[in-house]
Amino acid sequence: MSIDFAYAQARAQARLGERLPEDGWRVLESSLGLPQYLASVRGTVLAPRVQHFPTTVAPHTVERTLRDDWRSEVADAARWVPEDWLDAVAWTANPLSEAGKG
């Protein structure tokens, strides 16, 4: 493993290592609607993922926004990886668009 890739791996693990514990997932799963769910998430390490959603947001807006957020995360990760890895990392931004090609 190259030092460049080790750097990228450490950055990704540090960022993605902030996971919700199992009991936190149970609290979210027991939510009785979007307002309660968002309020619960906002008290966890996942808060940055939902901070921009109002309690009246439509499901398709949530999905579109989360996909945009994912693409932004991938773009960040692409800045950390060695050049040889850029295409592979960039592919993860939208892998379904390439499905079936080739």
PDB file of N, CA and C in Angstrom:
ATOM      1  N   MET A   1       0.852  -1.166   0.000  1.00  0.00           N
ATOM      2  CA  MET A   1       0.000   0.000   0.000  1.00  0.00           C
ATOM      3  C   MET A   1       0.900   1.232   0.000  1.00  0.00           C
ATOM      4  N   SER A   2       0.624   2.139  -0.900  1.00  0.00           N
ATOM      5  CA  SER A   2       1.443   3.351  -0.971  1.00  0.00           C
ATOM      6  C   SER A   2       1.096   4.298   0.166  1.00  0.00           C
ATOM      7  N   ILE A   3       2.027   5.177   0.476  1.00  0.00           N
ATOM      8  CA  ILE A   3       1.783   6.163   1.525  1.00  0.00           C
ATOM      9  C   ILE A   3       0.609   7.059   1.126  1.00  0.00           C
ATOM     10  N   ASP A   4       0.506   7.410  -0.156  1.00  0.00           N
ATOM     11  CA  ASP A   4      -0.599   8.250  -0.609  1.00  0.00           C
ATOM     12  C   ASP A   4      -1.947   7.586  -0.355  1.00  0.00           C
ATOM     13  N   PHE A   5      -2.026   6.288  -0.679  1.00  0.00           N
ATOM     14  CA  PHE A   5      -3.293   5.602  -0.474  1.00  0.00           C
ATOM     15  C   PHE A   5      -3.571   5.424   1.019  1.00  0.00           C
ATOM     16  N   ALA A   6      -2.545   5.187   1.806  1.00  0.00           N
ATOM     17  CA  ALA A   6      -2.725   5.048   3.251  1.00  0.00           C
ATOM     18  C   ALA A   6      -3.314   6.328   3.831  1.00  0.00           C
ATOM     19  N   TYR A   7      -2.873   7.462   3.327  1.00  0.00           N
ATOM     20  CA  TYR A   7      -3.417   8.750   3.771  1.00  0.00           C
ATOM     21  C   TYR A   7      -4.909   8.827   3.457  1.00  0.00           C
ATOM     22  N   ALA A   8      -5.282   8.467   2.232  1.00  0.00           N
ATOM     23  CA  ALA A   8      -6.686   8.511   1.826  1.00  0.00           C
ATOM     24  C   ALA A   8      -7.513   7.551   2.672  1.00  0.00           C
ATOM     25  N   GLN A   9      -6.981   6.374   2.917  1.00  0.00           N
ATOM     26  CA  GLN A   9      -7.700   5.387   3.714  1.00  0.00           C
ATOM     27  C   GLN A   9      -7.911   5.891   5.147  1.00  0.00           C
ATOM     28  N   ALA A  10      -6.892   6.478   5.735  1.00  0.00           N
ATOM     29  CA  ALA A  10      -7.018   6.999   7.099  1.00  0.00           C
ATOM     30  C   ALA A  10      -8.059   8.115   7.159  1.00  0.00           C
ATOM     31  N   ARG A  11      -8.075   8.991   6.154  1.00  0.00           N
ATOM     32  CA  ARG A  11      -9.064  10.076   6.128  1.00  0.00           C
ATOM     33  C   ARG A  11     -10.483   9.512   6.030  1.00  0.00           C
ATOM     34  N   ALA A  12     -10.666   8.541   5.138  1.00  0.00           N
ATOM     35  CA  ALA A  12     -11.995   7.946   4.959  1.00  0.00           C
ATOM     36  C   ALA A  12     -12.441   7.231   6.225  1.00  0.00           C
ATOM     37  N   GLN A  13     -11.553   6.472   6.836  1.00  0.00           N
ATOM     38  CA  GLN A  13     -11.927   5.747   8.046  1.00  0.00           C
ATOM     39  C   GLN A  13     -12.249   6.702   9.190  1.00  0.00           C
ATOM     40  N   ALA A  14     -11.507   7.779   9.306  1.00  0.00           N
ATOM     41  CA  ALA A  14     -11.791   8.750  10.361  1.00  0.00           C
ATOM     42  C   ALA A  14     -13.158   9.383  10.158  1.00  0.00           C
ATOM     43  N   ARG A  15     -13.469   9.729   8.919  1.00  0.00           N
ATOM     44  CA  ARG A  15     -14.750  10.368   8.641  1.00  0.00           C
ATOM     45  C   ARG A  15     -15.907   9.387   8.779  1.00  0.00           C
ATOM     46  N   LEU A  16     -15.738   8.194   8.251  1.00  0.00           N
ATOM     47  CA  LEU A  16     -16.827   7.223   8.262  1.00  0.00           C
ATOM     48  C   LEU A  16     -16.878   6.422   9.553  1.00  0.00           C
ATOM     49  N   GLY A  17     -15.867   6.554  10.386  1.00  0.00           N
ATOM     50  CA  GLY A  17     -15.837   5.822  11.638  1.00  0.00           C
ATOM     51  C   GLY A  17     -16.811   6.346  12.666  1.00  0.00           C
ATOM     52  N   GLU A  18     -17.361   7.508  12.464  1.00  0.00           N
ATOM     53  CA  GLU A  18     -18.347   8.063  13.382  1.00  0.00           C
ATOM     54  C   GLU A  18     -19.707   7.464  13.069  1.00  0.00           C
ATOM     55  N   ARG A  19     -19.903   6.271  13.579  1.00  0.00           N
ATOM     56  CA  ARG A  19     -21.152   5.569  13.303  1.00  0.00           C
ATOM     57  C   ARG A  19     -22.064   5.597  14.516  1.00  0.00           C
ATOM     58  N   LEU A  20     -23.302   5.417  14.239  1.00  0.00           N
ATOM     59  CA  LEU A  20     -24.313   5.366  15.286  1.00  0.00           C
ATOM     60  C   LEU A  20     -24.239   3.997  15.965  1.00  0.00           C
ATOM     61  N   PRO A  21     -24.250   3.952  17.297  1.00  0.00           N
ATOM     62  CA  PRO A  21     -24.262   2.650  17.967  1.00  0.00           C
ATOM     63  C   PRO A  21     -25.599   1.948  17.746  1.00  0.00           C
ATOM     64  N   GLU A  22     -25.622   0.669  18.025  1.00  0.00           N
ATOM     65  CA  GLU A  22     -26.824  -0.133  17.763  1.00  0.00           C
ATOM     66  C   GLU A  22     -28.062   0.411  18.467  1.00  0.00           C
ATOM     67  N   ASP A  23     -27.922   0.863  19.699  1.00  0.00           N
ATOM     68  CA  ASP A  23     -29.097   1.389  20.405  1.00  0.00           C
ATOM     69  C   ASP A  23     -29.595   2.686  19.757  1.00  0.00           C
ATOM     70  N   GLY A  24     -28.704   3.442  19.137  1.00  0.00           N
ATOM     71  CA  GLY A  24     -29.119   4.643  18.407  1.00  0.00           C
ATOM     72  C   GLY A  24     -29.981   4.296  17.207  1.00  0.00           C
ATOM     73  N   TRP A  25     -29.612   3.214  16.503  1.00  0.00           N
ATOM     74  CA  TRP A  25     -30.426   2.773  15.364  1.00  0.00           C
ATOM     75  C   TRP A  25     -31.811   2.341  15.832  1.00  0.00           C
ATOM     76  N   ARG A  26     -31.874   1.688  16.996  1.00  0.00           N
ATOM     77  CA  ARG A  26     -33.186   1.257  17.508  1.00  0.00           C
ATOM     78  C   ARG A  26     -34.087   2.458  17.793  1.00  0.00           C
ATOM     79  N   VAL A  27     -33.502   3.517  18.337  1.00  0.00           N
ATOM     80  CA  VAL A  27     -34.288   4.731  18.588  1.00  0.00           C
ATOM     81  C   VAL A  27     -34.823   5.284  17.279  1.00  0.00           C
ATOM     82  N   LEU A  28     -33.982   5.345  16.261  1.00  0.00           N
ATOM     83  CA  LEU A  28     -34.430   5.868  14.963  1.00  0.00           C
ATOM     84  C   LEU A  28     -35.509   4.982  14.353  1.00  0.00           C
ATOM     85  N   GLU A  29     -35.329   3.670  14.446  1.00  0.00           N
ATOM     86  CA  GLU A  29     -36.306   2.742  13.875  1.00  0.00           C
ATOM     87  C   GLU A  29     -37.666   2.831  14.560  1.00  0.00           C
ATOM     88  N   SER A  30     -37.686   3.298  15.794  1.00  0.00           N
ATOM     89  CA  SER A  30     -38.964   3.397  16.515  1.00  0.00           C
ATOM     90  C   SER A  30     -39.655   4.743  16.313  1.00  0.00           C
ATOM     91  N   SER A  31     -39.075   5.601  15.507  1.00  0.00           N
ATOM     92  CA  SER A  31     -39.675   6.913  15.249  1.00  0.00           C
ATOM     93  C   SER A  31     -41.053   6.757  14.620  1.00  0.00           C
ATOM     94  N   LEU A  32     -41.953   7.646  14.993  1.00  0.00           N
ATOM     95  CA  LEU A  32     -43.339   7.570  14.522  1.00  0.00           C
ATOM     96  C   LEU A  32     -43.641   8.513  13.364  1.00  0.00           C
ATOM     97  N   GLY A  33     -42.642   9.034  12.749  1.00  0.00           N
ATOM     98  CA  GLY A  33     -42.848   9.929  11.619  1.00  0.00           C
ATOM     99  C   GLY A  33     -41.583  10.732  11.369  1.00  0.00           C
ATOM    100  N   LEU A  34     -41.586  11.440  10.277  1.00  0.00           N
ATOM    101  CA  LEU A  34     -40.400  12.196   9.884  1.00  0.00           C
ATOM    102  C   LEU A  34     -39.973  13.232  10.917  1.00  0.00           C
ATOM    103  N   PRO A  35     -40.889  14.024  11.481  1.00  0.00           N
ATOM    104  CA  PRO A  35     -40.440  15.016  12.470  1.00  0.00           C
ATOM    105  C   PRO A  35     -39.704  14.377  13.651  1.00  0.00           C
ATOM    106  N   GLN A  36     -40.239  13.267  14.166  1.00  0.00           N
ATOM    107  CA  GLN A  36     -39.594  12.591  15.291  1.00  0.00           C
ATOM    108  C   GLN A  36     -38.259  11.975  14.856  1.00  0.00           C
ATOM    109  N   TYR A  37     -38.241  11.396  13.690  1.00  0.00           N
ATOM    110  CA  TYR A  37     -37.013  10.795  13.167  1.00  0.00           C
ATOM    111  C   TYR A  37     -35.910  11.852  13.036  1.00  0.00           C
ATOM    112  N   LEU A  38     -36.242  12.979  12.406  1.00  0.00           N
ATOM    113  CA  LEU A  38     -35.240  14.036  12.227  1.00  0.00           C
ATOM    114  C   LEU A  38     -34.770  14.587  13.575  1.00  0.00           C
ATOM    115  N   ALA A  39     -35.682  14.741  14.514  1.00  0.00           N
ATOM    116  CA  ALA A  39     -35.293  15.224  15.840  1.00  0.00           C
ATOM    117  C   ALA A  39     -34.339  14.245  16.504  1.00  0.00           C
ATOM    118  N   SER A  40     -34.603  12.960  16.354  1.00  0.00           N
ATOM    119  CA  SER A  40     -33.727  11.939  16.931  1.00  0.00           C
ATOM    120  C   SER A  40     -32.359  11.934  16.257  1.00  0.00           C
ATOM    121  N   VAL A  41     -32.333  12.007  14.942  1.00  0.00           N
ATOM    122  CA  VAL A  41     -31.063  11.996  14.209  1.00  0.00           C
ATOM    123  C   VAL A  41     -30.240  13.229  14.565  1.00  0.00           C
ATOM    124  N   ARG A  42     -30.896  14.344  14.744  1.00  0.00           N
ATOM    125  CA  ARG A  42     -30.173  15.591  15.038  1.00  0.00           C
ATOM    126  C   ARG A  42     -29.465  15.551  16.387  1.00  0.00           C
ATOM    127  N   GLY A  43     -29.752  14.555  17.210  1.00  0.00           N
ATOM    128  CA  GLY A  43     -29.060  14.389  18.477  1.00  0.00           C
ATOM    129  C   GLY A  43     -27.947  13.359  18.410  1.00  0.00           C
ATOM    130  N   THR A  44     -27.533  12.991  17.188  1.00  0.00           N
ATOM    131  CA  THR A  44     -26.516  11.946  17.013  1.00  0.00           C
ATOM    132  C   THR A  44     -25.370  12.446  16.134  1.00  0.00           C
ATOM    133  N   VAL A  45     -24.403  11.556  15.903  1.00  0.00           N
ATOM    134  CA  VAL A  45     -23.282  11.893  15.013  1.00  0.00           C
ATOM    135  C   VAL A  45     -23.739  12.026  13.561  1.00  0.00           C
ATOM    136  N   LEU A  46     -24.952  11.591  13.264  1.00  0.00           N
ATOM    137  CA  LEU A  46     -25.483  11.678  11.902  1.00  0.00           C
ATOM    138  C   LEU A  46     -26.132  13.035  11.616  1.00  0.00           C
ATOM    139  N   ALA A  47     -26.153  13.903  12.598  1.00  0.00           N
ATOM    140  CA  ALA A  47     -26.822  15.201  12.452  1.00  0.00           C
ATOM    141  C   ALA A  47     -26.420  15.974  11.196  1.00  0.00           C
ATOM    142  N   PRO A  48     -25.138  16.022  10.835  1.00  0.00           N
ATOM    143  CA  PRO A  48     -24.780  16.785   9.630  1.00  0.00           C
ATOM    144  C   PRO A  48     -25.475  16.281   8.360  1.00  0.00           C
ATOM    145  N   ARG A  49     -25.869  15.019   8.357  1.00  0.00           N
ATOM    146  CA  ARG A  49     -26.526  14.446   7.175  1.00  0.00           C
ATOM    147  C   ARG A  49     -27.948  14.946   6.983  1.00  0.00           C
ATOM    148  N   VAL A  50     -28.573  15.410   8.062  1.00  0.00           N
ATOM    149  CA  VAL A  50     -29.984  15.802   7.970  1.00  0.00           C
ATOM    150  C   VAL A  50     -30.247  17.238   8.400  1.00  0.00           C
ATOM    151  N   GLN A  51     -29.228  17.968   8.754  1.00  0.00           N
ATOM    152  CA  GLN A  51     -29.435  19.311   9.309  1.00  0.00           C
ATOM    153  C   GLN A  51     -30.173  20.242   8.359  1.00  0.00           C
ATOM    154  N   HIS A  52     -30.092  20.002   7.069  1.00  0.00           N
ATOM    155  CA  HIS A  52     -30.719  20.901   6.105  1.00  0.00           C
ATOM    156  C   HIS A  52     -32.131  20.479   5.697  1.00  0.00           C
ATOM    157  N   PHE A  53     -32.684  19.437   6.354  1.00  0.00           N
ATOM    158  CA  PHE A  53     -34.035  18.994   6.014  1.00  0.00           C
ATOM    159  C   PHE A  53     -35.072  19.581   6.963  1.00  0.00           C
ATOM    160  N   PRO A  54     -36.095  20.244   6.411  1.00  0.00           N
ATOM    161  CA  PRO A  54     -37.214  20.640   7.265  1.00  0.00           C
ATOM    162  C   PRO A  54     -38.070  19.404   7.561  1.00  0.00           C
ATOM    163  N   THR A  55     -38.895  19.467   8.581  1.00  0.00           N
ATOM    164  CA  THR A  55     -39.712  18.302   8.943  1.00  0.00           C
ATOM    165  C   THR A  55     -40.809  18.013   7.924  1.00  0.00           C
ATOM    166  N   THR A  56     -41.011  18.905   6.986  1.00  0.00           N
ATOM    167  CA  THR A  56     -42.048  18.710   5.973  1.00  0.00           C
ATOM    168  C   THR A  56     -41.474  18.346   4.609  1.00  0.00           C
ATOM    169  N   VAL A  57     -40.227  17.941   4.560  1.00  0.00           N
ATOM    170  CA  VAL A  57     -39.572  17.648   3.293  1.00  0.00           C
ATOM    171  C   VAL A  57     -40.202  16.419   2.632  1.00  0.00           C
ATOM    172  N   ALA A  58     -40.302  16.463   1.319  1.00  0.00           N
ATOM    173  CA  ALA A  58     -40.856  15.343   0.558  1.00  0.00           C
ATOM    174  C   ALA A  58     -39.806  14.249   0.392  1.00  0.00           C
ATOM    175  N   PRO A  59     -40.234  12.985   0.374  1.00  0.00           N
ATOM    176  CA  PRO A  59     -39.274  11.876   0.246  1.00  0.00           C
ATOM    177  C   PRO A  59     -38.348  11.995  -0.965  1.00  0.00           C
ATOM    178  N   HIS A  60     -38.887  12.419  -2.111  1.00  0.00           N
ATOM    179  CA  HIS A  60     -38.030  12.518  -3.294  1.00  0.00           C
ATOM    180  C   HIS A  60     -36.972  13.611  -3.122  1.00  0.00           C
ATOM    181  N   THR A  61     -37.281  14.628  -2.349  1.00  0.00           N
ATOM    182  CA  THR A  61     -36.308  15.681  -2.066  1.00  0.00           C
ATOM    183  C   THR A  61     -35.201  15.143  -1.160  1.00  0.00           C
ATOM    184  N   VAL A  62     -35.583  14.342  -0.180  1.00  0.00           N
ATOM    185  CA  VAL A  62     -34.588  13.722   0.699  1.00  0.00           C
ATOM    186  C   VAL A  62     -33.637  12.868  -0.131  1.00  0.00           C
ATOM    187  N   GLU A  63     -34.188  12.025  -0.986  1.00  0.00           N
ATOM    188  CA  GLU A  63     -33.346  11.139  -1.792  1.00  0.00           C
ATOM    189  C   GLU A  63     -32.421  11.936  -2.708  1.00  0.00           C
ATOM    190  N   ARG A  64     -32.959  12.917  -3.393  1.00  0.00           N
ATOM    191  CA  ARG A  64     -32.146  13.724  -4.304  1.00  0.00           C
ATOM    192  C   ARG A  64     -31.035  14.443  -3.543  1.00  0.00           C
ATOM    193  N   THR A  65     -31.375  14.989  -2.384  1.00  0.00           N
ATOM    194  CA  THR A  65     -30.390  15.716  -1.589  1.00  0.00           C
ATOM    195  C   THR A  65     -29.306  14.781  -1.069  1.00  0.00           C
ATOM    196  N   LEU A  66     -29.701  13.613  -0.586  1.00  0.00           N
ATOM    197  CA  LEU A  66     -28.700  12.659  -0.090  1.00  0.00           C
ATOM    198  C   LEU A  66     -27.797  12.163  -1.217  1.00  0.00           C
ATOM    199  N   ARG A  67     -28.341  11.989  -2.407  1.00  0.00           N
ATOM    200  CA  ARG A  67     -27.493  11.601  -3.553  1.00  0.00           C
ATOM    201  C   ARG A  67     -26.504  12.717  -3.899  1.00  0.00           C
ATOM    202  N   ASP A  68     -26.971  13.956  -3.862  1.00  0.00           N
ATOM    203  CA  ASP A  68     -26.069  15.091  -4.104  1.00  0.00           C
ATOM    204  C   ASP A  68     -24.988  15.168  -3.029  1.00  0.00           C
ATOM    205  N   ASP A  69     -25.388  14.946  -1.781  1.00  0.00           N
ATOM    206  CA  ASP A  69     -24.416  14.946  -0.687  1.00  0.00           C
ATOM    207  C   ASP A  69     -23.383  13.840  -0.886  1.00  0.00           C
ATOM    208  N   TRP A  70     -23.842  12.675  -1.334  1.00  0.00           N
ATOM    209  CA  TRP A  70     -22.926  11.555  -1.590  1.00  0.00           C
ATOM    210  C   TRP A  70     -21.910  11.933  -2.670  1.00  0.00           C
ATOM    211  N   ARG A  71     -22.396  12.527  -3.740  1.00  0.00           N
ATOM    212  CA  ARG A  71     -21.479  12.925  -4.814  1.00  0.00           C
ATOM    213  C   ARG A  71     -20.441  13.925  -4.311  1.00  0.00           C
ATOM    214  N   SER A  72     -20.845  14.795  -3.417  1.00  0.00           N
ATOM    215  CA  SER A  72     -19.917  15.750  -2.813  1.00  0.00           C
ATOM    216  C   SER A  72     -18.880  15.034  -1.953  1.00  0.00           C
ATOM    217  N   GLU A  73     -19.310  14.036  -1.202  1.00  0.00           N
ATOM    218  CA  GLU A  73     -18.378  13.241  -0.391  1.00  0.00           C
ATOM    219  C   GLU A  73     -17.366  12.519  -1.283  1.00  0.00           C
ATOM    220  N   VAL A  74     -17.854  11.982  -2.388  1.00  0.00           N
ATOM    221  CA  VAL A  74     -16.955  11.293  -3.314  1.00  0.00           C
ATOM    222  C   VAL A  74     -15.944  12.269  -3.902  1.00  0.00           C
ATOM    223  N   ALA A  75     -16.395  13.456  -4.245  1.00  0.00           N
ATOM    224  CA  ALA A  75     -15.480  14.478  -4.776  1.00  0.00           C
ATOM    225  C   ALA A  75     -14.407  14.820  -3.750  1.00  0.00           C
ATOM    226  N   ASP A  76     -14.789  14.902  -2.466  1.00  0.00           N
ATOM    227  CA  ASP A  76     -13.798  15.140  -1.415  1.00  0.00           C
ATOM    228  C   ASP A  76     -12.784  14.004  -1.359  1.00  0.00           C
ATOM    229  N   ALA A  77     -13.294  12.778  -1.374  1.00  0.00           N
ATOM    230  CA  ALA A  77     -12.404  11.619  -1.304  1.00  0.00           C
ATOM    231  C   ALA A  77     -11.460  11.569  -2.499  1.00  0.00           C
ATOM    232  N   ALA A  78     -11.935  11.980  -3.653  1.00  0.00           N
ATOM    233  CA  ALA A  78     -11.102  11.955  -4.862  1.00  0.00           C
ATOM    234  C   ALA A  78      -9.890  12.879  -4.719  1.00  0.00           C
ATOM    235  N   ARG A  79      -9.994  13.889  -3.882  1.00  0.00           N
ATOM    236  CA  ARG A  79      -8.853  14.783  -3.668  1.00  0.00           C
ATOM    237  C   ARG A  79      -7.769  14.137  -2.812  1.00  0.00           C
ATOM    238  N   TRP A  80      -8.109  13.068  -2.099  1.00  0.00           N
ATOM    239  CA  TRP A  80      -7.147  12.441  -1.198  1.00  0.00           C
ATOM    240  C   TRP A  80      -6.399  11.286  -1.822  1.00  0.00           C
ATOM    241  N   VAL A  81      -6.932  10.703  -2.882  1.00  0.00           N
ATOM    242  CA  VAL A  81      -6.356   9.457  -3.406  1.00  0.00           C
ATOM    243  C   VAL A  81      -5.282   9.711  -4.455  1.00  0.00           C
ATOM    244  N   PRO A  82      -4.398   8.735  -4.619  1.00  0.00           N
ATOM    245  CA  PRO A  82      -3.403   8.850  -5.683  1.00  0.00           C
ATOM    246  C   PRO A  82      -4.093   8.868  -7.047  1.00  0.00           C
ATOM    247  N   GLU A  83      -3.425   9.414  -8.017  1.00  0.00           N
ATOM    248  CA  GLU A  83      -4.001   9.562  -9.356  1.00  0.00           C
ATOM    249  C   GLU A  83      -4.487   8.235  -9.933  1.00  0.00           C
ATOM    250  N   ASP A  84      -3.773   7.155  -9.653  1.00  0.00           N
ATOM    251  CA  ASP A  84      -4.172   5.841 -10.172  1.00  0.00           C
ATOM    252  C   ASP A  84      -5.546   5.394  -9.673  1.00  0.00           C
ATOM    253  N   TRP A  85      -6.022   5.978  -8.579  1.00  0.00           N
ATOM    254  CA  TRP A  85      -7.290   5.589  -7.991  1.00  0.00           C
ATOM    255  C   TRP A  85      -8.437   6.520  -8.354  1.00  0.00           C
ATOM    256  N   LEU A  86      -8.159   7.612  -9.026  1.00  0.00           N
ATOM    257  CA  LEU A  86      -9.197   8.613  -9.300  1.00  0.00           C
ATOM    258  C   LEU A  86     -10.413   8.056 -10.026  1.00  0.00           C
ATOM    259  N   ASP A  87     -10.193   7.277 -11.075  1.00  0.00           N
ATOM    260  CA  ASP A  87     -11.331   6.739 -11.831  1.00  0.00           C
ATOM    261  C   ASP A  87     -12.201   5.830 -10.969  1.00  0.00           C
ATOM    262  N   ALA A  88     -11.576   4.995 -10.152  1.00  0.00           N
ATOM    263  CA  ALA A  88     -12.345   4.083  -9.296  1.00  0.00           C
ATOM    264  C   ALA A  88     -13.154   4.858  -8.267  1.00  0.00           C
ATOM    265  N   VAL A  89     -12.546   5.863  -7.670  1.00  0.00           N
ATOM    266  CA  VAL A  89     -13.271   6.661  -6.677  1.00  0.00           C
ATOM    267  C   VAL A  89     -14.390   7.452  -7.359  1.00  0.00           C
ATOM    268  N   ALA A  90     -14.100   8.057  -8.486  1.00  0.00           N
ATOM    269  CA  ALA A  90     -15.113   8.843  -9.197  1.00  0.00           C
ATOM    270  C   ALA A  90     -16.300   7.966  -9.608  1.00  0.00           C
ATOM    271  N   TRP A  91     -16.038   6.712  -9.954  1.00  0.00           N
ATOM    272  CA  TRP A  91     -17.111   5.809 -10.351  1.00  0.00           C
ATOM    273  C   TRP A  91     -18.142   5.648  -9.243  1.00  0.00           C
ATOM    274  N   THR A  92     -17.706   5.679  -7.974  1.00  0.00           N
ATOM    275  CA  THR A  92     -18.637   5.461  -6.871  1.00  0.00           C
ATOM    276  C   THR A  92     -19.628   6.614  -6.695  1.00  0.00           C
ATOM    277  N   ALA A  93     -19.378   7.732  -7.346  1.00  0.00           N
ATOM    278  CA  ALA A  93     -20.314   8.855  -7.250  1.00  0.00           C
ATOM    279  C   ALA A  93     -21.655   8.506  -7.856  1.00  0.00           C
ATOM    280  N   ASN A  94     -21.662   7.674  -8.879  1.00  0.00           N
ATOM    281  CA  ASN A  94     -22.898   7.325  -9.554  1.00  0.00           C
ATOM    282  C   ASN A  94     -22.723   6.022 -10.321  1.00  0.00           C
ATOM    283  N   PRO A  95     -22.492   4.909  -9.602  1.00  0.00           N
ATOM    284  CA  PRO A  95     -22.191   3.651 -10.280  1.00  0.00           C
ATOM    285  C   PRO A  95     -23.326   3.105 -11.136  1.00  0.00           C
ATOM    286  N   LEU A  96     -24.556   3.412 -10.801  1.00  0.00           N
ATOM    287  CA  LEU A  96     -25.678   2.862 -11.581  1.00  0.00           C
ATOM    288  C   LEU A  96     -25.754   3.446 -12.975  1.00  0.00           C
ATOM    289  N   SER A  97     -25.212   4.645 -13.169  1.00  0.00           N
ATOM    290  CA  SER A  97     -25.265   5.244 -14.495  1.00  0.00           C
ATOM    291  C   SER A  97     -24.375   4.494 -15.478  1.00  0.00           C
ATOM    292  N   GLU A  98     -23.413   3.738 -14.969  1.00  0.00           N
ATOM    293  CA  GLU A  98     -22.508   2.974 -15.809  1.00  0.00           C
ATOM    294  C   GLU A  98     -22.893   1.503 -15.885  1.00  0.00           C
ATOM    295  N   ALA A  99     -23.900   1.083 -15.143  1.00  0.00           N
ATOM    296  CA  ALA A  99     -24.304  -0.320 -15.131  1.00  0.00           C
ATOM    297  C   ALA A  99     -24.715  -0.768 -16.531  1.00  0.00           C
ATOM    298  N   GLY A 100     -24.255  -1.915 -16.898  1.00  0.00           N
ATOM    299  CA  GLY A 100     -24.638  -2.478 -18.182  1.00  0.00           C
ATOM    300  C   GLY A 100     -23.834  -1.980 -19.358  1.00  0.00           C
ATOM    301  N   LYS A 101     -22.939  -1.027 -19.171  1.00  0.00           N
ATOM    302  CA  LYS A 101     -22.120  -0.525 -20.277  1.00  0.00           C
ATOM    303  C   LYS A 101     -20.862  -1.391 -20.371  1.00  0.00           C
ATOM    304  N   GLY A 102     -20.347  -1.474 -21.567  1.00  0.00           N
ATOM    305  CA  GLY A 102     -19.055  -2.124 -21.719  1.00  0.00           C
ATOM    306  C   GLY A 102     -19.091  -3.411 -22.319  1.00  0.00           C
TER     307      GLY A 102
END
